[in-house]
Amino acid sequence: MDHDAILGAEMALDPQTLGGTLAAAAHVHGTSEALIYDGRRATHAQLFEEALERARALIGLGVRSGDHVGVLMPNCWDYIVLYYAINLVGAQAVLLNARYRPDDLAYVIPKARLRFLFVGGHAWRHCDYRPMLTGVFPELLASAQGSLSLGAAPNLEHVIEIGDERPGIWPGESVLESAAAGVTRADVLERAAMVRAEDIGLMIFSSGTTSRPKACMLTHLSLCRTGAAMAERFRFTPQDKVWDPLPLFHMSTILPLAGCRATGACFMGMGHFDADSAMKLLIAEQPTVHYAGFPTIIGALVTHPDFVAYDQSHLRINHVVGPPDLLRRYAALFPGAVAVNSYGLTEATGVPCYSDLDDPQDLLFETNGRLFDGMEGRVVDLDGNPVPNGVAGEICLRGYALFAGYYDDPEATAAAITPEGWLRTGDRGRIGPGGRLIYDGRVKDMLKIGGENVAAVELESFLMTHPAVKMAQVIGVPDERLMEVAAAYIEVNPGSMVEEVELVRHCIGRIASYKIPRYVRFVEQWPMSATKVQKFELRESFRPDGKIDVAAMAKSA
C-alpha cells in the first residue's frame, strides 16, 4: 500500500471509534503536543505512530477482534500507548485496578475471561505483581515461557510483562518486537477499519465499595461522544494542557484522554502521585486545567509548602468534587480558575454531568452541573416513581452514555436498567435550578438514627467546615438506644491538631443532637478503591470503644 493509500485508510477510520479519533487528531493536530508522561513528551502524530507500532505487535501475538486484553499496570507511558493499540486492533481493553491484591486478581481475571494479560513491571517499587499472580495461579511459574493452561483461569493464554529493567518471568519486549516484524501498517489499518462505533472498546470493573466488582462494558461510541461532550463543556483547544494525576484504570483519566484527542489538547499525567512531584510538575508546566477530581489530591497540593510558589496565571479550570463548603475553600485558593463540579459513575461513561463555565458561583458549589445534551435525568422514590424537582430520591439516567451492561451478568444488568432504559444509579440526589443535578450521597449511605434518616454526606460536609479537618467520612454503627449512631473518621490537615471533644463541641448547637458523632477516629491513610473511600473497611475495623457522651457535653456547654 503506497503512502496516499495509507493516508486514505487512516482518514477512513470511523471517527466515533477510539482508533479513528486518534488518527484524526494525528492529522488535524499532528504537531501539537498530545501527551506528557514520565518525563516524556509526544505530539499527536508521534502518539499515533507509537500506538500503530504496538498494534502491529498485538496482531503478531495473535490478538483477535473482540479478544479481552487485560492491563495490570501502574500509570505510565506504556499504559496509554497499549490502551490505544488494543482498540486499534478491535480488541477490548480490560483495565484492571492497579491496587488489586491476590484475592481481587483471583476473581477478576477469570471473570473477565482475559485471553491476554499485560503486566507492568514498572510497578515493582510500589507493588510487585509477580508473586501475587503466581501465588493465585501457580501454573504461571511452570509455564512462564510457553502456552498457558490455568485451571482457575482457562481463557488466559498469554501473560506479557513490559516496562521493567529487571529480568522478567514472562515474555516481554523482545517478544513484542519479534511479533511486530511480520505485520505491516496496512494490516493494522485494515483491522482498525473493521471496528464499529457500537463495538465494546473498554471494560472497567466498578469500584466494589460494597460488594464484588462488576465489569462495565463501554462502547467506542459512548467513549468518543462523551469525551467530545466533556471537551466542549470545558472548552478545550489545542492550547490547553490538562493535568490529571488520577489512575488510568478509572474513567477520571480515560474520559479526559478522550476529550483531549477530540480537540487536540494535551494530557499530562503522573506515574505515581505524591505532593512533592506534583508541585514540581505544576510549577514547571503551568497547566490550564486541573482534573484532580478528588479532595484528597487538591488537599495535598494546597497544604504543600511550595504551593505559594505555583504561578496559576495559566490555570482556567479547577475540577474537584466535594461538599459545598470544601469547594468554596478550594476556590479561594485558586482564584483565577472556574471551580467545575461534576457527577458521574462508570456505568454512565464516567462523567455525563459537569458545571457550565458560566454558572454563577453558588451554582458551581451547590450543584453538580447539567447533563450533556442527549442525556436525560430524573429522580425517583423508593417505588420508582418520579418526584418533583427539589425532592430527594434516587438519581436515574438515560441516553447515549449508558454502558452496554455488566459483562457476563445479565441479572445485575437487568436490575440496574429498567425496561424503559433508565439506569438506576443507586445515588441519592435532587433536580436543582435549571435542571442541574445535586448529588446527596449513596442511597445506601444513609444512617437511621433514632428513626431519622441522615445522609452521611451531610455530616461529612459539616465536619469539614472545621479548619483543622482535611477529610471526613461518616459511617453508621450500632447503638442500644438509638439503633444506630454516627462514627466519624477524620484526617487532619498537616500542621493542625484537634481533639475528639473539640470536634463534638464544633457540632453542638449547630446540628441536631442526634446527628452528632458518638465516635471519632483519626486516620492518616484511607482504605481506597480507585478513587473512593471503601467504607465497608471502616465498618469492618470499627470497635465500639471511646463512646462520647454528647448529652453531658451539651449540658456543660
Protein backbone atom coordinates (compact mmCIF):
# COMPACT_ATOMS: atom_id res chain seq x y z
CA MET A 1 0.00 0.00 0.00
CA ASP A 2 1.53 3.34 -1.09
CA HIS A 3 1.66 6.49 1.04
CA ASP A 4 -1.53 8.04 -0.39
CA ALA A 5 -3.44 4.79 0.10
CA ILE A 6 -2.25 4.52 3.71
CA LEU A 7 -3.23 8.14 4.37
CA GLY A 8 -6.64 7.45 2.88
CA ALA A 9 -7.04 4.35 5.04
CA GLU A 10 -6.19 6.32 8.17
CA MET A 11 -8.67 9.05 7.36
CA ALA A 12 -11.36 6.49 6.56
CA LEU A 13 -11.42 5.10 10.11
CA ASP A 14 -14.73 5.64 11.88
CA PRO A 15 -14.33 8.91 13.85
CA GLN A 16 -16.66 7.50 16.53
CA THR A 17 -14.09 4.85 17.44
CA LEU A 18 -11.07 5.36 19.68
CA GLY A 19 -8.68 4.47 16.88
CA GLY A 20 -10.45 6.80 14.47
CA THR A 21 -10.31 9.66 16.96
CA LEU A 22 -6.59 9.09 17.50
CA ALA A 23 -5.94 9.04 13.74
CA ALA A 24 -7.98 12.20 13.19
CA ALA A 25 -6.09 14.01 15.96
CA ALA A 26 -2.78 12.99 14.35
CA HIS A 27 -3.81 14.52 11.04
CA VAL A 28 -5.57 17.65 12.29
CA HIS A 29 -3.34 18.45 15.28
CA GLY A 30 -0.25 16.47 14.32
CA THR A 31 2.42 18.89 15.51
CA SER A 32 0.70 20.00 18.72
CA GLU A 33 1.61 18.30 21.98
CA ALA A 34 -0.59 15.35 22.90
CA LEU A 35 0.99 13.68 25.91
CA ILE A 36 3.36 14.48 28.78
CA TYR A 37 4.13 11.49 30.99
CA ASP A 38 7.09 10.02 32.87
CA GLY A 39 9.34 12.84 31.68
CA ARG A 40 8.49 12.05 28.04
CA ARG A 41 6.57 14.13 25.50
CA ALA A 42 4.83 13.34 22.21
CA THR A 43 2.85 15.19 19.59
CA HIS A 44 -0.44 13.78 18.35
CA ALA A 45 1.31 12.41 15.26
CA GLN A 46 4.01 10.74 17.37
CA LEU A 47 1.45 9.21 19.75
CA PHE A 48 -0.45 7.73 16.82
CA GLU A 49 2.76 6.24 15.42
CA GLU A 50 3.61 4.61 18.77
CA ALA A 51 0.11 3.16 19.04
CA LEU A 52 0.37 1.76 15.50
CA GLU A 53 3.71 0.14 16.33
CA ARG A 54 2.28 -1.52 19.44
CA ALA A 55 -0.79 -2.59 17.47
CA ARG A 56 1.48 -4.39 14.97
CA ALA A 57 2.88 -6.39 17.89
CA LEU A 58 -0.59 -7.26 19.17
CA ILE A 59 -1.63 -8.63 15.80
CA GLY A 60 1.63 -10.57 15.56
CA LEU A 61 0.95 -12.08 19.01
CA GLY A 62 -2.41 -13.32 17.77
CA VAL A 63 -4.77 -10.78 19.34
CA ARG A 64 -8.09 -11.11 17.53
CA SER A 65 -11.02 -8.73 17.16
CA GLY A 66 -13.17 -8.97 20.27
CA ASP A 67 -10.44 -10.53 22.45
CA HIS A 68 -10.33 -9.42 26.08
CA VAL A 69 -6.89 -7.94 26.72
CA GLY A 70 -6.14 -7.19 30.37
CA VAL A 71 -3.88 -4.37 31.50
CA LEU A 72 -2.46 -4.63 35.03
CA MET A 73 -0.01 -1.76 35.21
CA PRO A 74 0.67 1.40 37.17
CA ASN A 75 0.20 4.75 35.48
CA CYS A 76 2.85 5.05 32.78
CA TRP A 77 3.53 5.94 29.16
CA ASP A 78 3.29 2.31 28.03
CA TYR A 79 -0.20 2.05 29.51
CA ILE A 80 -1.64 4.79 27.31
CA VAL A 81 0.03 3.51 24.14
CA LEU A 82 -1.18 -0.04 24.86
CA TYR A 83 -4.73 1.16 25.53
CA TYR A 84 -4.93 2.83 22.13
CA ALA A 85 -3.27 -0.14 20.38
CA ILE A 86 -5.78 -2.60 21.83
CA ASN A 87 -8.63 -0.52 20.45
CA LEU A 88 -6.98 -0.05 17.07
CA VAL A 89 -6.96 -3.83 16.50
CA GLY A 90 -10.60 -4.22 17.57
CA ALA A 91 -9.96 -5.95 20.88
CA GLN A 92 -11.45 -4.93 24.22
CA ALA A 93 -9.19 -3.25 26.78
CA VAL A 94 -9.89 -4.57 30.27
CA LEU A 95 -8.24 -2.09 32.62
CA LEU A 96 -7.59 -3.75 35.98
CA ASN A 97 -7.26 -1.79 39.19
CA ALA A 98 -3.54 -1.40 39.90
CA ARG A 99 -4.32 -1.64 43.61
CA TYR A 100 -5.79 -5.13 43.27
CA ARG A 101 -4.35 -7.74 45.57
CA PRO A 102 -4.34 -11.56 45.21
CA ASP A 103 -7.96 -12.12 46.20
CA ASP A 104 -9.13 -9.46 43.73
CA LEU A 105 -6.99 -10.86 40.90
CA ALA A 106 -8.22 -14.36 41.54
CA TYR A 107 -11.74 -13.05 40.95
CA VAL A 108 -11.44 -10.53 38.10
CA ILE A 109 -9.06 -12.36 35.73
CA PRO A 110 -11.32 -15.37 35.18
CA LYS A 111 -14.46 -13.23 35.48
CA ALA A 112 -13.34 -11.04 32.57
CA ARG A 113 -12.25 -14.11 30.55
CA LEU A 114 -8.97 -12.50 29.63
CA ARG A 115 -7.08 -14.11 26.77
CA PHE A 116 -4.07 -11.80 27.11
CA LEU A 117 -2.75 -10.08 30.21
CA PHE A 118 -0.15 -7.31 30.06
CA VAL A 119 1.64 -6.83 33.36
CA GLY A 120 3.58 -3.67 34.15
CA GLY A 121 6.95 -4.44 35.62
CA HIS A 122 7.21 -0.70 36.38
CA ALA A 123 5.13 -1.39 39.48
CA TRP A 124 7.67 -3.37 41.48
CA ARG A 125 8.89 -0.40 43.52
CA HIS A 126 5.38 0.05 44.92
CA CYS A 127 3.71 -3.28 44.25
CA ASP A 128 5.19 -6.40 42.63
CA TYR A 129 2.54 -8.29 40.67
CA ARG A 130 4.75 -11.33 40.06
CA PRO A 131 4.33 -13.00 43.48
CA MET A 132 0.67 -12.05 43.52
CA LEU A 133 -0.12 -13.65 40.18
CA THR A 134 1.99 -16.74 40.72
CA GLY A 135 0.51 -17.16 44.17
CA VAL A 136 -3.01 -17.10 42.76
CA PHE A 137 -2.17 -19.08 39.62
CA PRO A 138 0.82 -21.35 40.48
CA GLU A 139 0.88 -22.73 36.94
CA LEU A 140 2.24 -19.36 35.77
CA LEU A 141 5.65 -20.35 37.12
CA ALA A 142 5.76 -23.72 35.41
CA SER A 143 4.51 -22.44 32.05
CA ALA A 144 6.04 -18.97 32.15
CA GLN A 145 7.70 -19.23 28.73
CA GLY A 146 5.17 -21.42 26.99
CA SER A 147 1.45 -21.86 26.34
CA LEU A 148 -0.59 -21.32 29.45
CA SER A 149 -3.05 -23.76 30.95
CA LEU A 150 -4.57 -22.37 34.11
CA GLY A 151 -7.30 -24.33 35.79
CA ALA A 152 -8.64 -21.26 37.61
CA ALA A 153 -8.46 -19.01 34.52
CA PRO A 154 -8.94 -21.27 31.49
CA ASN A 155 -9.30 -18.42 28.98
CA LEU A 156 -5.91 -16.88 29.79
CA GLU A 157 -3.38 -17.92 27.16
CA HIS A 158 -0.66 -15.27 27.34
CA VAL A 159 0.95 -13.13 30.03
CA ILE A 160 3.35 -10.46 28.75
CA GLU A 161 5.47 -8.29 31.03
CA ILE A 162 6.69 -4.90 29.87
CA GLY A 163 8.38 -1.87 31.33
CA ASP A 164 10.88 -3.37 33.79
CA GLU A 165 14.65 -3.25 33.73
CA ARG A 166 14.83 -6.48 35.75
CA PRO A 167 14.69 -9.93 34.10
CA GLY A 168 11.06 -10.97 33.73
CA ILE A 169 9.48 -14.35 34.30
CA TRP A 170 7.10 -13.95 31.36
CA PRO A 171 7.67 -12.91 27.74
CA GLY A 172 8.50 -9.21 27.38
CA GLU A 173 9.54 -6.51 24.95
CA SER A 174 11.68 -8.82 22.81
CA VAL A 175 8.65 -10.99 22.08
CA LEU A 176 6.66 -7.91 21.10
CA GLU A 177 9.40 -6.75 18.74
CA SER A 178 9.53 -10.16 17.06
CA ALA A 179 5.75 -10.29 16.77
CA ALA A 180 5.61 -6.87 15.11
CA ALA A 181 8.18 -7.81 12.46
CA GLY A 182 5.74 -9.76 10.32
CA VAL A 183 2.89 -7.22 10.49
CA THR A 184 2.58 -4.09 8.36
CA ARG A 185 1.00 -0.73 9.00
CA ALA A 186 -1.62 -1.63 6.39
CA ASP A 187 -2.52 -4.75 8.39
CA VAL A 188 -3.25 -2.59 11.44
CA LEU A 189 -5.34 -0.12 9.44
CA GLU A 190 -7.31 -2.97 7.92
CA ARG A 191 -8.19 -4.23 11.38
CA ALA A 192 -8.96 -0.71 12.61
CA ALA A 193 -11.32 -0.16 9.68
CA MET A 194 -13.43 -3.11 10.86
CA VAL A 195 -14.09 -1.55 14.29
CA ARG A 196 -17.58 -0.12 14.64
CA ALA A 197 -18.83 2.59 16.98
CA GLU A 198 -21.20 0.17 18.70
CA ASP A 199 -18.41 -2.33 19.49
CA ILE A 200 -17.21 -2.70 23.06
CA GLY A 201 -13.90 -0.89 23.42
CA LEU A 202 -13.41 -0.92 27.16
CA MET A 203 -14.28 -2.89 30.26
CA ILE A 204 -13.67 -1.39 33.68
CA PHE A 205 -14.62 -3.08 36.91
CA SER A 206 -16.79 -0.96 39.16
CA SER A 207 -15.11 0.08 42.38
CA GLY A 208 -16.68 -2.59 44.55
CA THR A 209 -17.11 -0.37 47.61
CA THR A 210 -19.93 -2.59 48.88
CA SER A 211 -19.53 -5.92 47.05
CA ARG A 212 -17.54 -7.78 44.40
CA PRO A 213 -16.80 -5.51 41.43
CA LYS A 214 -18.75 -5.85 38.21
CA ALA A 215 -17.27 -5.38 34.73
CA CYS A 216 -18.87 -2.40 32.99
CA MET A 217 -18.84 -2.64 29.19
CA LEU A 218 -18.45 0.66 27.32
CA THR A 219 -18.74 1.15 23.58
CA HIS A 220 -16.46 3.19 21.34
CA LEU A 221 -19.44 5.46 20.66
CA SER A 222 -20.14 6.25 24.31
CA LEU A 223 -16.44 6.86 24.99
CA CYS A 224 -15.89 9.12 21.98
CA ARG A 225 -19.16 11.03 22.21
CA THR A 226 -18.87 11.60 25.95
CA GLY A 227 -15.24 12.66 25.58
CA ALA A 228 -16.21 15.19 22.92
CA ALA A 229 -19.07 16.49 25.08
CA MET A 230 -16.73 16.86 28.05
CA ALA A 231 -14.22 18.77 25.88
CA GLU A 232 -17.00 21.07 24.66
CA ARG A 233 -18.17 21.77 28.23
CA PHE A 234 -14.57 22.55 29.28
CA ARG A 235 -13.94 24.49 26.02
CA PHE A 236 -10.76 22.60 25.24
CA THR A 237 -8.47 23.89 22.49
CA PRO A 238 -5.09 22.65 21.19
CA GLN A 239 -3.51 25.21 23.53
CA ASP A 240 -4.90 23.50 26.65
CA LYS A 241 -2.73 21.40 28.91
CA VAL A 242 -4.79 19.12 31.17
CA TRP A 243 -3.14 17.87 34.37
CA ASP A 244 -4.74 14.62 35.54
CA PRO A 245 -2.86 12.58 38.18
CA LEU A 246 -5.64 10.02 38.67
CA PRO A 247 -5.43 6.27 37.91
CA LEU A 248 -5.51 5.13 34.29
CA PHE A 249 -7.78 2.22 35.22
CA HIS A 250 -10.50 4.74 36.03
CA MET A 251 -12.85 6.85 33.91
CA SER A 252 -11.49 10.00 35.56
CA THR A 253 -8.49 9.65 33.22
CA ILE A 254 -9.93 7.75 30.27
CA LEU A 255 -12.63 10.38 29.72
CA PRO A 256 -10.27 13.41 29.77
CA LEU A 257 -7.95 11.47 27.45
CA ALA A 258 -10.85 11.15 25.01
CA GLY A 259 -11.60 14.85 25.39
CA CYS A 260 -8.01 15.77 24.60
CA ARG A 261 -7.96 13.60 21.47
CA ALA A 262 -11.24 15.12 20.28
CA THR A 263 -9.86 18.67 20.40
CA GLY A 264 -6.08 18.46 20.16
CA ALA A 265 -5.48 19.34 23.82
CA CYS A 266 -2.51 17.89 25.72
CA PHE A 267 -2.94 15.32 28.51
CA MET A 268 -0.43 15.47 31.34
CA GLY A 269 -0.37 12.59 33.83
CA MET A 270 1.74 11.20 36.63
CA GLY A 271 3.16 7.74 37.17
CA HIS A 272 2.63 7.93 40.90
CA PHE A 273 1.02 10.83 42.72
CA ASP A 274 2.83 12.47 45.56
CA ALA A 275 2.57 16.11 46.53
CA ASP A 276 6.29 16.87 46.05
CA SER A 277 6.38 15.55 42.48
CA ALA A 278 3.03 17.12 41.66
CA MET A 279 4.09 20.58 42.77
CA LYS A 280 7.34 20.37 40.77
CA LEU A 281 5.37 19.33 37.68
CA LEU A 282 2.73 22.04 38.06
CA ILE A 283 5.29 24.77 38.66
CA ALA A 284 7.28 23.67 35.59
CA GLU A 285 4.41 23.04 33.16
CA GLN A 286 1.74 25.55 34.26
CA PRO A 287 -1.32 23.62 33.04
CA THR A 288 -4.54 25.32 32.02
CA VAL A 289 -6.81 22.67 33.57
CA HIS A 290 -6.60 20.73 36.81
CA TYR A 291 -8.54 17.47 36.59
CA ALA A 292 -7.57 16.26 40.05
CA GLY A 293 -11.18 15.41 40.83
CA PHE A 294 -10.97 14.50 44.48
CA PRO A 295 -10.34 16.44 47.70
CA THR A 296 -7.53 14.08 48.74
CA ILE A 297 -5.46 15.29 45.75
CA ILE A 298 -6.25 19.00 45.98
CA GLY A 299 -5.85 18.92 49.76
CA ALA A 300 -2.32 17.59 49.35
CA LEU A 301 -1.46 20.45 46.98
CA VAL A 302 -2.86 23.38 48.90
CA THR A 303 -1.14 22.28 52.13
CA HIS A 304 2.23 21.78 50.43
CA PRO A 305 4.92 24.35 51.31
CA ASP A 306 5.67 25.00 47.62
CA PHE A 307 2.05 25.85 46.80
CA VAL A 308 2.75 29.55 47.31
CA ALA A 309 5.36 29.38 44.51
CA TYR A 310 2.86 27.98 41.99
CA ASP A 311 2.16 30.51 39.22
CA GLN A 312 -1.52 29.96 38.41
CA SER A 313 -1.74 32.60 35.70
CA HIS A 314 -2.47 30.00 33.01
CA LEU A 315 -4.97 27.98 35.07
CA ARG A 316 -8.57 28.47 33.98
CA ILE A 317 -10.36 25.37 35.38
CA ASN A 318 -10.01 23.54 38.68
CA HIS A 319 -12.15 20.40 38.63
CA VAL A 320 -12.85 18.89 42.04
CA VAL A 321 -15.93 17.34 43.63
CA GLY A 322 -16.96 17.55 47.25
CA PRO A 323 -19.30 19.27 49.69
CA PRO A 324 -20.05 22.96 49.04
CA ASP A 325 -18.08 24.34 51.98
CA LEU A 326 -14.96 22.48 50.91
CA LEU A 327 -15.34 23.65 47.30
CA ARG A 328 -15.61 27.24 48.48
CA ARG A 329 -12.41 26.81 50.47
CA TYR A 330 -10.56 25.45 47.42
CA ALA A 331 -11.99 28.11 45.11
CA ALA A 332 -10.44 30.80 47.31
CA LEU A 333 -7.05 29.13 46.84
CA PHE A 334 -7.40 29.05 43.03
CA PRO A 335 -8.93 32.49 42.50
CA GLY A 336 -8.38 32.71 38.74
CA ALA A 337 -9.90 29.33 37.89
CA VAL A 338 -13.52 28.25 37.50
CA ALA A 339 -14.37 25.62 40.11
CA VAL A 340 -16.02 22.93 37.99
CA ASN A 341 -18.15 20.35 39.79
CA SER A 342 -19.48 17.11 38.32
CA TYR A 343 -21.48 13.95 38.87
CA GLY A 344 -20.98 10.54 37.37
CA LEU A 345 -20.31 6.84 37.60
CA THR A 346 -18.61 4.22 35.42
CA GLU A 347 -21.96 2.92 34.16
CA ALA A 348 -22.55 6.32 32.53
CA THR A 349 -19.14 6.51 30.83
CA GLY A 350 -17.60 8.21 33.79
CA VAL A 351 -19.00 11.73 33.96
CA PRO A 352 -22.00 12.80 31.86
CA CYS A 353 -22.66 15.88 34.01
CA TYR A 354 -20.44 18.92 34.63
CA SER A 355 -20.87 22.54 35.68
CA ASP A 356 -21.10 25.16 32.97
CA LEU A 357 -18.12 27.52 32.98
CA ASP A 358 -20.53 30.47 33.04
CA ASP A 359 -22.51 29.25 36.04
CA PRO A 360 -22.60 31.70 38.98
CA GLN A 361 -20.50 30.59 41.95
CA ASP A 362 -23.43 29.48 44.09
CA LEU A 363 -24.49 27.02 41.40
CA LEU A 364 -20.89 25.84 40.93
CA PHE A 365 -20.65 24.99 44.62
CA GLU A 366 -24.20 23.88 45.39
CA THR A 367 -24.97 21.74 42.32
CA ASN A 368 -23.13 19.15 40.26
CA GLY A 369 -23.94 20.71 36.92
CA ARG A 370 -26.02 19.88 33.86
CA LEU A 371 -26.18 16.62 31.92
CA PHE A 372 -24.83 16.63 28.39
CA ASP A 373 -27.24 17.10 25.52
CA GLY A 374 -28.58 13.67 24.62
CA MET A 375 -28.70 12.56 28.25
CA GLU A 376 -31.78 12.60 30.48
CA GLY A 377 -32.01 12.59 34.25
CA ARG A 378 -34.79 12.14 36.74
CA VAL A 379 -35.16 11.41 40.45
CA VAL A 380 -37.48 8.67 41.72
CA ASP A 381 -38.84 7.48 45.06
CA LEU A 382 -38.46 4.01 46.56
CA ASP A 383 -41.21 2.69 44.28
CA GLY A 384 -39.55 4.07 41.16
CA ASN A 385 -42.00 6.95 40.69
CA PRO A 386 -40.61 10.35 39.60
CA VAL A 387 -40.62 13.02 42.29
CA PRO A 388 -40.88 16.82 41.83
CA ASN A 389 -37.79 18.95 41.34
CA GLY A 390 -36.08 19.69 44.62
CA VAL A 391 -37.30 16.49 46.28
CA ALA A 392 -34.63 13.92 47.14
CA GLY A 393 -34.67 10.38 45.77
CA GLU A 394 -32.64 8.06 43.58
CA ILE A 395 -30.93 9.57 40.52
CA CYS A 396 -31.78 7.79 37.24
CA LEU A 397 -30.10 8.41 33.89
CA ARG A 398 -30.93 7.59 30.27
CA GLY A 399 -29.16 8.26 26.98
CA TYR A 400 -26.13 7.55 24.78
CA ALA A 401 -23.57 7.49 27.62
CA LEU A 402 -25.07 4.48 29.39
CA PHE A 403 -22.92 1.38 29.49
CA ALA A 404 -23.72 -1.71 27.43
CA GLY A 405 -24.28 -3.77 30.57
CA TYR A 406 -22.25 -5.79 33.06
CA TYR A 407 -20.17 -8.42 31.33
CA ASP A 408 -21.47 -11.95 31.82
CA ASP A 409 -24.00 -10.76 34.40
CA PRO A 410 -27.45 -10.33 32.82
CA GLU A 411 -29.20 -10.38 36.18
CA ALA A 412 -27.18 -7.44 37.51
CA THR A 413 -27.70 -5.61 34.21
CA ALA A 414 -31.47 -6.13 34.36
CA ALA A 415 -31.51 -4.92 37.95
CA ALA A 416 -29.61 -1.76 37.01
CA ILE A 417 -31.51 -0.76 33.85
CA THR A 418 -35.29 -0.54 33.74
CA PRO A 419 -37.30 -1.77 30.73
CA GLU A 420 -37.68 1.90 29.73
CA GLY A 421 -33.90 2.29 29.55
CA TRP A 422 -33.32 4.17 32.83
CA LEU A 423 -30.17 3.40 34.77
CA ARG A 424 -30.87 3.22 38.50
CA THR A 425 -27.64 4.68 39.80
CA GLY A 426 -28.03 3.88 43.50
CA ASP A 427 -27.15 7.54 44.16
CA ARG A 428 -29.33 9.90 46.15
CA GLY A 429 -29.94 13.37 44.76
CA ARG A 430 -32.28 16.10 43.57
CA ILE A 431 -33.02 18.13 40.46
CA GLY A 432 -31.96 21.69 41.23
CA PRO A 433 -32.13 25.08 39.48
CA GLY A 434 -32.19 24.92 35.69
CA GLY A 435 -32.31 21.13 35.69
CA ARG A 436 -28.91 20.79 37.36
CA LEU A 437 -28.25 17.67 39.38
CA ILE A 438 -27.46 17.77 43.07
CA TYR A 439 -25.74 14.68 44.44
CA ASP A 440 -26.52 13.89 48.09
CA GLY A 441 -24.61 10.62 48.51
CA ARG A 442 -25.30 6.96 48.03
CA VAL A 443 -28.86 5.76 48.57
CA LYS A 444 -27.48 3.13 50.92
CA ASP A 445 -25.05 5.59 52.51
CA MET A 446 -27.79 6.68 54.88
CA LEU A 447 -27.86 6.44 58.64
CA LYS A 448 -31.04 5.61 60.55
CA ILE A 449 -30.56 7.40 63.86
CA GLY A 450 -33.44 7.04 66.28
CA GLY A 451 -35.79 6.55 63.34
CA GLU A 452 -34.48 9.61 61.48
CA ASN A 453 -32.80 9.32 58.08
CA VAL A 454 -29.44 11.12 57.96
CA ALA A 455 -27.24 11.29 54.85
CA ALA A 456 -23.60 10.57 55.63
CA VAL A 457 -22.53 13.25 53.16
CA GLU A 458 -24.45 15.85 55.18
CA LEU A 459 -22.40 15.13 58.30
CA GLU A 460 -19.16 14.86 56.32
CA SER A 461 -19.78 18.26 54.77
CA PHE A 462 -20.40 19.84 58.16
CA LEU A 463 -17.37 18.27 59.84
CA MET A 464 -15.16 19.63 57.08
CA THR A 465 -16.16 23.17 58.00
CA HIS A 466 -13.77 22.81 60.95
CA PRO A 467 -10.49 24.44 59.83
CA ALA A 468 -8.36 21.52 61.09
CA VAL A 469 -10.29 18.86 59.15
CA LYS A 470 -8.90 17.86 55.77
CA MET A 471 -11.27 14.94 55.11
CA ALA A 472 -14.20 13.36 56.95
CA GLN A 473 -16.01 10.08 56.34
CA VAL A 474 -19.03 9.00 58.36
CA ILE A 475 -20.45 5.53 58.89
CA GLY A 476 -23.37 4.25 60.92
CA VAL A 477 -22.62 1.92 63.84
CA PRO A 478 -24.99 0.03 66.16
CA ASP A 479 -26.34 1.70 69.30
CA GLU A 480 -28.54 0.22 72.03
CA ARG A 481 -30.69 3.34 72.46
CA LEU A 482 -30.83 4.93 69.01
CA MET A 483 -30.35 1.71 66.99
CA GLU A 484 -27.63 3.49 65.01
CA VAL A 485 -25.33 6.48 65.59
CA ALA A 486 -22.67 8.27 63.58
CA ALA A 487 -18.97 7.40 63.78
CA ALA A 488 -16.68 9.97 62.15
CA TYR A 489 -13.31 9.15 60.64
CA ILE A 490 -11.15 12.26 60.39
CA GLU A 491 -7.97 13.17 58.51
CA VAL A 492 -6.39 16.31 59.93
CA ASN A 493 -4.68 19.00 57.85
CA PRO A 494 -0.86 18.91 58.06
CA GLY A 495 0.35 21.01 60.95
CA SER A 496 -3.07 21.11 62.59
CA MET A 497 -4.26 19.48 65.78
CA VAL A 498 -7.75 18.76 67.00
CA GLU A 499 -9.19 16.64 69.81
CA GLU A 500 -12.29 14.46 69.68
CA VAL A 501 -14.11 16.70 72.16
CA GLU A 502 -13.28 19.80 70.12
CA LEU A 503 -14.96 18.29 67.05
CA VAL A 504 -18.02 17.40 69.09
CA ARG A 505 -18.17 20.94 70.53
CA HIS A 506 -17.97 22.19 66.94
CA CYS A 507 -21.21 20.29 66.29
CA ILE A 508 -23.15 21.08 69.48
CA GLY A 509 -25.80 23.67 68.85
CA ARG A 510 -25.05 23.77 65.14
CA ILE A 511 -26.56 20.48 64.00
CA ALA A 512 -29.30 18.33 65.52
CA SER A 513 -28.04 16.49 68.58
CA TYR A 514 -28.91 13.05 67.20
CA LYS A 515 -26.65 13.70 64.20
CA ILE A 516 -23.55 14.46 66.28
CA PRO A 517 -20.95 11.65 66.03
CA ARG A 518 -20.69 9.49 69.13
CA TYR A 519 -17.35 8.12 67.99
CA VAL A 520 -14.39 9.92 66.43
CA ARG A 521 -11.44 8.13 64.86
CA PHE A 522 -8.36 9.83 63.41
CA VAL A 523 -6.70 8.36 60.30
CA GLU A 524 -3.64 9.19 58.24
CA GLN A 525 -4.48 6.92 55.29
CA TRP A 526 -7.81 5.87 53.84
CA PRO A 527 -8.77 2.43 52.56
CA MET A 528 -9.28 3.28 48.88
CA SER A 529 -10.59 1.58 45.76
CA ALA A 530 -9.74 3.56 42.61
CA THR A 531 -10.86 6.92 43.90
CA LYS A 532 -13.41 6.19 46.60
CA VAL A 533 -13.03 5.52 50.29
CA GLN A 534 -14.10 1.93 50.95
CA LYS A 535 -16.47 2.49 53.82
CA PHE A 536 -17.09 -1.19 54.32
CA GLU A 537 -13.49 -1.47 55.51
CA LEU A 538 -14.12 1.30 58.03
CA ARG A 539 -17.17 -0.60 59.25
CA GLU A 540 -15.31 -3.90 59.49
CA SER A 541 -12.47 -2.38 61.53
CA PHE A 542 -14.69 -0.34 63.84
CA ARG A 543 -14.61 -1.16 67.56
CA PRO A 544 -17.17 0.41 69.95
CA ASP A 545 -14.76 1.93 72.44
CA GLY A 546 -14.41 5.54 73.49
CA LYS A 547 -18.04 6.50 73.02
CA ILE A 548 -18.59 10.23 73.56
CA ASP A 549 -21.33 11.39 75.95
CA VAL A 550 -22.78 14.10 73.75
CA ALA A 551 -25.67 14.85 76.11
CA ALA A 552 -23.29 15.56 79.01
CA MET A 553 -21.09 17.77 76.83
CA ALA A 554 -24.15 19.70 75.64
CA LYS A 555 -25.23 20.37 79.23
CA SER A 556 -21.83 21.71 80.17
CA ALA A 557 -21.51 23.84 77.06
